[in-house]
Amino acid sequence: CESIRIEGDPYTASLLFSMLRESIHAGAASESVWKEEKISLMRKLGSIDVNDEENKIPAAEGSLLDESSPCWQWNEALELLGTFSPSQLNNHAYSALLKINERAAEEYCEANLRHNGVKWGMAVLDKMKKDKISPDVVTCSTLMAAFDKSRNWKASVSLLNAMDASSHSNRSPKVHETKWSLPEPNRFTYSL
C-alpha cells in the first residue's frame, strides 16, 4: 500500500485551523477540568496506566513555547503549524490560527485553567517575524480581539501603537518589500 502525501498550502492550513477553532465549544474549559480531575483520581486509585496515550492530557511538544495551553485545539494547532514551511503559510492561514487563540482565550478564561491569549498571540507574531511574513490589518485585528478576550486591553493598545509607529517609520515602498513590518491601522482596527 502506497502512502499518499498531501502538499500543504495556505488554503489547507487555514481550513484545518478553522476546523480546530469550530471544535472549541462553550463549556470546553469545564470539561477539561473534569477530565483532568477524573484522570488524577484514577491514577491515585491505580486504575489507570500513566503511559496510556488515550488518557493523557494533550501537551504541545515542540510548540512555539515550552508550555501548553489547557485548550487541546490550540496545542494541536501549534503542532500542525510546525508541519508547514513558511512558504506554505500566509496571512490568511495565520489569521485562522489566531482565531483559535481568540476562541481559546474566551473559553478558557478561568484563573485555574487559563489560556494566555496574549502570550500565545505574541509568540505567533514572533514566528511570523522569523518567517518574514508581515502581518496584515486582519491578522493584527485578530490578535487584538484575542487580547480583548484575554482581558488585557493594554496589549491591544500597545499593538495598535506599534502598528501606528511602524506605518510612520516605513513610508518608502521599497522598505515594505524587504523588511518585516506591522501594517498601518485602518478604521476597522480602530473600531475594535
C-alpha atoms as a PDB file:
ATOM      1  CA  CYS A   1       0.000   0.000   0.000  1.00  0.00           C
ATOM      2  CA  GLU A   2       1.490   3.308  -1.068  1.00  0.00           C
ATOM      3  CA  SER A   3       1.255   6.288   1.234  1.00  0.00           C
ATOM      4  CA  ILE A   4      -0.378   9.428  -0.038  1.00  0.00           C
ATOM      5  CA  ARG A   5       1.304  12.709   0.719  1.00  0.00           C
ATOM      6  CA  ILE A   6      -0.682  15.904   0.517  1.00  0.00           C
ATOM      7  CA  GLU A   7       1.326  19.036  -0.142  1.00  0.00           C
ATOM      8  CA  GLY A   8       0.214  21.811   2.191  1.00  0.00           C
ATOM      9  CA  ASP A   9      -0.653  25.318   1.127  1.00  0.00           C
ATOM     10  CA  PRO A  10      -2.125  28.380   2.863  1.00  0.00           C
ATOM     11  CA  TYR A  11      -5.666  27.308   1.963  1.00  0.00           C
ATOM     12  CA  THR A  12      -5.168  23.869   3.533  1.00  0.00           C
ATOM     13  CA  ALA A  13      -3.612  25.403   6.652  1.00  0.00           C
ATOM     14  CA  SER A  14      -6.425  27.915   7.127  1.00  0.00           C
ATOM     15  CA  LEU A  15      -9.073  25.236   6.554  1.00  0.00           C
ATOM     16  CA  LEU A  16      -7.501  22.917   9.144  1.00  0.00           C
ATOM     17  CA  PHE A  17      -7.111  25.763  11.639  1.00  0.00           C
ATOM     18  CA  SER A  18     -10.736  26.799  11.093  1.00  0.00           C
ATOM     19  CA  MET A  19     -11.904  23.249  11.767  1.00  0.00           C
ATOM     20  CA  LEU A  20      -9.990  23.203  15.047  1.00  0.00           C
ATOM     21  CA  ARG A  21     -11.478  26.574  16.012  1.00  0.00           C
ATOM     22  CA  GLU A  22     -15.007  25.375  15.333  1.00  0.00           C
ATOM     23  CA  SER A  23     -14.471  22.367  17.600  1.00  0.00           C
ATOM     24  CA  ILE A  24     -13.985  24.627  20.637  1.00  0.00           C
ATOM     25  CA  HIS A  25     -17.399  24.982  22.233  1.00  0.00           C
ATOM     26  CA  ALA A  26     -18.924  26.676  25.248  1.00  0.00           C
ATOM     27  CA  GLY A  27     -18.209  24.692  28.373  1.00  0.00           C
ATOM     28  CA  ALA A  28     -14.986  23.251  26.964  1.00  0.00           C
ATOM     29  CA  ALA A  29     -12.953  24.507  29.913  1.00  0.00           C
ATOM     30  CA  SER A  30     -15.163  22.805  32.491  1.00  0.00           C
ATOM     31  CA  GLU A  31     -14.938  19.548  30.503  1.00  0.00           C
ATOM     32  CA  SER A  32     -11.142  19.765  30.574  1.00  0.00           C
ATOM     33  CA  VAL A  33     -11.139  20.330  34.329  1.00  0.00           C
ATOM     34  CA  TRP A  34     -13.471  17.359  34.779  1.00  0.00           C
ATOM     35  CA  LYS A  35     -11.252  15.136  32.609  1.00  0.00           C
ATOM     36  CA  GLU A  36      -8.090  16.189  34.464  1.00  0.00           C
ATOM     37  CA  GLU A  37      -9.737  15.540  37.845  1.00  0.00           C
ATOM     38  CA  LYS A  38     -11.057  12.162  36.676  1.00  0.00           C
ATOM     39  CA  ILE A  39      -7.645  11.067  35.353  1.00  0.00           C
ATOM     40  CA  SER A  40      -5.904  12.298  38.510  1.00  0.00           C
ATOM     41  CA  LEU A  41      -8.312  10.345  40.703  1.00  0.00           C
ATOM     42  CA  MET A  42      -7.982   7.219  38.555  1.00  0.00           C
ATOM     43  CA  ARG A  43      -4.178   7.445  38.766  1.00  0.00           C
ATOM     44  CA  LYS A  44      -4.338   7.737  42.555  1.00  0.00           C
ATOM     45  CA  LEU A  45      -6.550   4.680  42.703  1.00  0.00           C
ATOM     46  CA  GLY A  46      -4.143   2.817  40.442  1.00  0.00           C
ATOM     47  CA  SER A  47      -6.818   2.074  37.865  1.00  0.00           C
ATOM     48  CA  ILE A  48      -5.139   3.908  35.009  1.00  0.00           C
ATOM     49  CA  ASP A  49      -1.840   3.407  33.238  1.00  0.00           C
ATOM     50  CA  VAL A  50       0.088   6.695  33.340  1.00  0.00           C
ATOM     51  CA  ASN A  51       1.623   5.903  29.936  1.00  0.00           C
ATOM     52  CA  ASP A  52      -1.759   5.202  28.285  1.00  0.00           C
ATOM     53  CA  GLU A  53      -1.880   7.594  25.329  1.00  0.00           C
ATOM     54  CA  GLU A  54      -5.684   7.721  25.316  1.00  0.00           C
ATOM     55  CA  ASN A  55      -5.835   9.177  28.812  1.00  0.00           C
ATOM     56  CA  LYS A  56      -3.006  11.678  28.616  1.00  0.00           C
ATOM     57  CA  ILE A  57      -3.781  15.347  28.828  1.00  0.00           C
ATOM     58  CA  PRO A  58      -2.659  16.834  25.498  1.00  0.00           C
ATOM     59  CA  ALA A  59       0.548  18.857  25.529  1.00  0.00           C
ATOM     60  CA  ALA A  60       2.136  20.876  22.784  1.00  0.00           C
ATOM     61  CA  GLU A  61       5.574  19.336  22.456  1.00  0.00           C
ATOM     62  CA  GLY A  62       7.899  21.379  20.282  1.00  0.00           C
ATOM     63  CA  SER A  63       5.398  24.215  20.039  1.00  0.00           C
ATOM     64  CA  LEU A  64       6.140  27.912  19.975  1.00  0.00           C
ATOM     65  CA  LEU A  65       6.585  27.942  23.735  1.00  0.00           C
ATOM     66  CA  ASP A  66       7.763  25.303  26.192  1.00  0.00           C
ATOM     67  CA  GLU A  67       4.412  25.017  27.917  1.00  0.00           C
ATOM     68  CA  SER A  68       0.979  24.050  26.734  1.00  0.00           C
ATOM     69  CA  SER A  69      -2.463  25.563  26.872  1.00  0.00           C
ATOM     70  CA  PRO A  70      -5.408  23.892  28.597  1.00  0.00           C
ATOM     71  CA  CYS A  71      -7.096  24.028  25.182  1.00  0.00           C
ATOM     72  CA  TRP A  72      -6.177  20.879  23.247  1.00  0.00           C
ATOM     73  CA  GLN A  73      -7.236  22.505  19.952  1.00  0.00           C
ATOM     74  CA  TRP A  74      -4.649  25.241  20.426  1.00  0.00           C
ATOM     75  CA  ASN A  75      -1.944  22.700  21.225  1.00  0.00           C
ATOM     76  CA  GLU A  76      -2.928  20.701  18.151  1.00  0.00           C
ATOM     77  CA  ALA A  77      -2.872  23.862  16.019  1.00  0.00           C
ATOM     78  CA  LEU A  78       0.686  24.601  17.135  1.00  0.00           C
ATOM     79  CA  GLU A  79       1.730  21.058  16.259  1.00  0.00           C
ATOM     80  CA  LEU A  80       0.056  21.452  12.886  1.00  0.00           C
ATOM     81  CA  LEU A  81       1.759  24.809  12.339  1.00  0.00           C
ATOM     82  CA  GLY A  82       5.106  23.056  12.729  1.00  0.00           C
ATOM     83  CA  THR A  83       4.315  20.804   9.758  1.00  0.00           C
ATOM     84  CA  PHE A  84       4.059  23.732   7.339  1.00  0.00           C
ATOM     85  CA  SER A  85       7.041  25.551   5.886  1.00  0.00           C
ATOM     86  CA  PRO A  86       6.930  29.369   5.767  1.00  0.00           C
ATOM     87  CA  SER A  87       6.251  29.209   2.018  1.00  0.00           C
ATOM     88  CA  GLN A  88       3.068  27.237   2.760  1.00  0.00           C
ATOM     89  CA  LEU A  89       1.657  29.944   5.046  1.00  0.00           C
ATOM     90  CA  ASN A  90       0.282  33.421   4.557  1.00  0.00           C
ATOM     91  CA  ASN A  91      -1.742  35.983   6.500  1.00  0.00           C
ATOM     92  CA  HIS A  92      -4.996  34.129   5.866  1.00  0.00           C
ATOM     93  CA  ALA A  93      -3.561  30.970   7.461  1.00  0.00           C
ATOM     94  CA  TYR A  94      -2.065  32.882  10.392  1.00  0.00           C
ATOM     95  CA  SER A  95      -5.328  34.731  10.930  1.00  0.00           C
ATOM     96  CA  ALA A  96      -7.182  31.394  11.099  1.00  0.00           C
ATOM     97  CA  LEU A  97      -4.594  30.185  13.629  1.00  0.00           C
ATOM     98  CA  LEU A  98      -5.023  33.322  15.718  1.00  0.00           C
ATOM     99  CA  LYS A  99      -8.804  32.857  15.713  1.00  0.00           C
ATOM    100  CA  ILE A 100      -8.224  29.585  17.583  1.00  0.00           C
ATOM    101  CA  ASN A 101      -6.202  31.604  20.093  1.00  0.00           C
ATOM    102  CA  GLU A 102      -9.065  34.083  20.393  1.00  0.00           C
ATOM    103  CA  ARG A 103     -11.673  31.349  20.961  1.00  0.00           C
ATOM    104  CA  ALA A 104      -9.427  29.543  23.455  1.00  0.00           C
ATOM    105  CA  ALA A 105      -8.852  32.779  25.379  1.00  0.00           C
ATOM    106  CA  GLU A 106     -12.607  33.272  25.571  1.00  0.00           C
ATOM    107  CA  GLU A 107     -13.469  29.716  26.638  1.00  0.00           C
ATOM    108  CA  TYR A 108     -10.500  29.101  28.941  1.00  0.00           C
ATOM    109  CA  CYS A 109     -10.610  32.288  30.984  1.00  0.00           C
ATOM    110  CA  GLU A 110     -10.869  30.813  34.482  1.00  0.00           C
ATOM    111  CA  ALA A 111      -7.905  31.542  36.745  1.00  0.00           C
ATOM    112  CA  ASN A 112      -7.146  27.870  37.405  1.00  0.00           C
ATOM    113  CA  LEU A 113      -7.468  26.855  33.756  1.00  0.00           C
ATOM    114  CA  ARG A 114      -6.419  29.869  31.737  1.00  0.00           C
ATOM    115  CA  HIS A 115      -5.298  30.110  28.139  1.00  0.00           C
ATOM    116  CA  ASN A 116      -2.965  33.105  27.931  1.00  0.00           C
ATOM    117  CA  GLY A 117      -4.086  34.602  24.634  1.00  0.00           C
ATOM    118  CA  VAL A 118      -1.649  37.499  24.827  1.00  0.00           C
ATOM    119  CA  LYS A 119       1.435  35.350  25.304  1.00  0.00           C
ATOM    120  CA  TRP A 120       0.396  32.841  22.627  1.00  0.00           C
ATOM    121  CA  GLY A 121      -0.598  35.604  20.207  1.00  0.00           C
ATOM    122  CA  MET A 122       2.739  37.347  20.607  1.00  0.00           C
ATOM    123  CA  ALA A 123       4.529  34.020  20.083  1.00  0.00           C
ATOM    124  CA  VAL A 124       2.690  33.616  16.769  1.00  0.00           C
ATOM    125  CA  LEU A 125       3.617  37.184  15.797  1.00  0.00           C
ATOM    126  CA  ASP A 126       7.257  36.376  16.620  1.00  0.00           C
ATOM    127  CA  LYS A 127       7.082  33.282  14.408  1.00  0.00           C
ATOM    128  CA  MET A 128       5.661  35.378  11.574  1.00  0.00           C
ATOM    129  CA  LYS A 129       8.565  37.781  12.004  1.00  0.00           C
ATOM    130  CA  LYS A 130      11.063  34.897  11.994  1.00  0.00           C
ATOM    131  CA  ASP A 131       9.433  33.526   8.827  1.00  0.00           C
ATOM    132  CA  LYS A 132       9.469  37.043   7.267  1.00  0.00           C
ATOM    133  CA  ILE A 133       5.682  37.153   6.855  1.00  0.00           C
ATOM    134  CA  SER A 134       4.495  40.663   7.669  1.00  0.00           C
ATOM    135  CA  PRO A 135       1.031  40.649   9.232  1.00  0.00           C
ATOM    136  CA  ASP A 136      -1.830  42.443   7.531  1.00  0.00           C
ATOM    137  CA  VAL A 137      -4.541  44.502   9.237  1.00  0.00           C
ATOM    138  CA  VAL A 138      -6.857  41.487   9.568  1.00  0.00           C
ATOM    139  CA  THR A 139      -4.171  39.434  11.299  1.00  0.00           C
ATOM    140  CA  CYS A 140      -3.363  42.279  13.713  1.00  0.00           C
ATOM    141  CA  SER A 141      -7.078  42.867  14.372  1.00  0.00           C
ATOM    142  CA  THR A 142      -7.487  39.166  15.175  1.00  0.00           C
ATOM    143  CA  LEU A 143      -4.577  39.482  17.596  1.00  0.00           C
ATOM    144  CA  MET A 144      -6.241  42.454  19.289  1.00  0.00           C
ATOM    145  CA  ALA A 145      -9.515  40.514  19.592  1.00  0.00           C
ATOM    146  CA  ALA A 146      -7.626  37.716  21.370  1.00  0.00           C
ATOM    147  CA  PHE A 147      -6.041  40.283  23.673  1.00  0.00           C
ATOM    148  CA  ASP A 148      -9.532  41.572  24.454  1.00  0.00           C
ATOM    149  CA  LYS A 149     -10.807  38.046  25.204  1.00  0.00           C
ATOM    150  CA  SER A 150      -7.768  37.619  27.467  1.00  0.00           C
ATOM    151  CA  ARG A 151      -8.903  40.740  29.306  1.00  0.00           C
ATOM    152  CA  ASN A 152      -5.721  42.619  28.505  1.00  0.00           C
ATOM    153  CA  TRP A 153      -6.651  45.864  26.783  1.00  0.00           C
ATOM    154  CA  LYS A 154      -3.154  47.247  27.402  1.00  0.00           C
ATOM    155  CA  ALA A 155      -1.714  44.658  24.997  1.00  0.00           C
ATOM    156  CA  SER A 156      -4.235  45.767  22.344  1.00  0.00           C
ATOM    157  CA  VAL A 157      -3.297  49.416  22.802  1.00  0.00           C
ATOM    158  CA  SER A 158       0.416  48.531  22.659  1.00  0.00           C
ATOM    159  CA  LEU A 159      -0.063  46.632  19.388  1.00  0.00           C
ATOM    160  CA  LEU A 160      -2.137  49.470  17.948  1.00  0.00           C
ATOM    161  CA  ASN A 161       0.584  51.977  18.907  1.00  0.00           C
ATOM    162  CA  ALA A 162       3.275  49.715  17.394  1.00  0.00           C
ATOM    163  CA  MET A 163       1.243  49.472  14.167  1.00  0.00           C
ATOM    164  CA  ASP A 164       0.914  53.253  14.042  1.00  0.00           C
ATOM    165  CA  ALA A 165       4.625  53.791  14.758  1.00  0.00           C
ATOM    166  CA  SER A 166       5.640  51.175  12.187  1.00  0.00           C
ATOM    167  CA  SER A 167       3.494  52.745   9.499  1.00  0.00           C
ATOM    168  CA  HIS A 168       5.072  56.165  10.112  1.00  0.00           C
ATOM    169  CA  SER A 169       8.625  54.805  10.002  1.00  0.00           C
ATOM    170  CA  ASN A 170       8.087  52.764   6.807  1.00  0.00           C
ATOM    171  CA  ARG A 171       6.781  55.321   4.319  1.00  0.00           C
ATOM    172  CA  SER A 172       9.048  54.164   1.496  1.00  0.00           C
ATOM    173  CA  PRO A 173       7.543  51.397  -0.720  1.00  0.00           C
ATOM    174  CA  LYS A 174      10.965  49.712  -1.007  1.00  0.00           C
ATOM    175  CA  VAL A 175      11.124  49.248   2.758  1.00  0.00           C
ATOM    176  CA  HIS A 176       7.887  47.202   2.727  1.00  0.00           C
ATOM    177  CA  GLU A 177       9.321  44.835   0.148  1.00  0.00           C
ATOM    178  CA  THR A 178      12.423  43.864   2.110  1.00  0.00           C
ATOM    179  CA  LYS A 179      11.632  44.433   5.767  1.00  0.00           C
ATOM    180  CA  TRP A 180       9.136  42.826   8.136  1.00  0.00           C
ATOM    181  CA  SER A 181       6.717  45.432   9.433  1.00  0.00           C
ATOM    182  CA  LEU A 182       3.348  45.938  11.002  1.00  0.00           C
ATOM    183  CA  PRO A 183       0.561  47.363   8.843  1.00  0.00           C
ATOM    184  CA  GLU A 184      -0.949  50.791   9.163  1.00  0.00           C
ATOM    185  CA  PRO A 185      -4.119  50.680  11.258  1.00  0.00           C
ATOM    186  CA  ASN A 186      -7.382  51.421   9.456  1.00  0.00           C
ATOM    187  CA  ARG A 187     -10.980  52.181  10.500  1.00  0.00           C
ATOM    188  CA  PHE A 188     -11.698  48.543  11.305  1.00  0.00           C
ATOM    189  CA  THR A 189      -8.650  48.339  13.556  1.00  0.00           C
ATOM    190  CA  TYR A 190      -9.697  51.462  15.448  1.00  0.00           C
ATOM    191  CA  SER A 191     -13.258  50.172  15.846  1.00  0.00           C
ATOM    192  CA  LEU A 192     -12.113  47.177  17.904  1.00  0.00           C
END
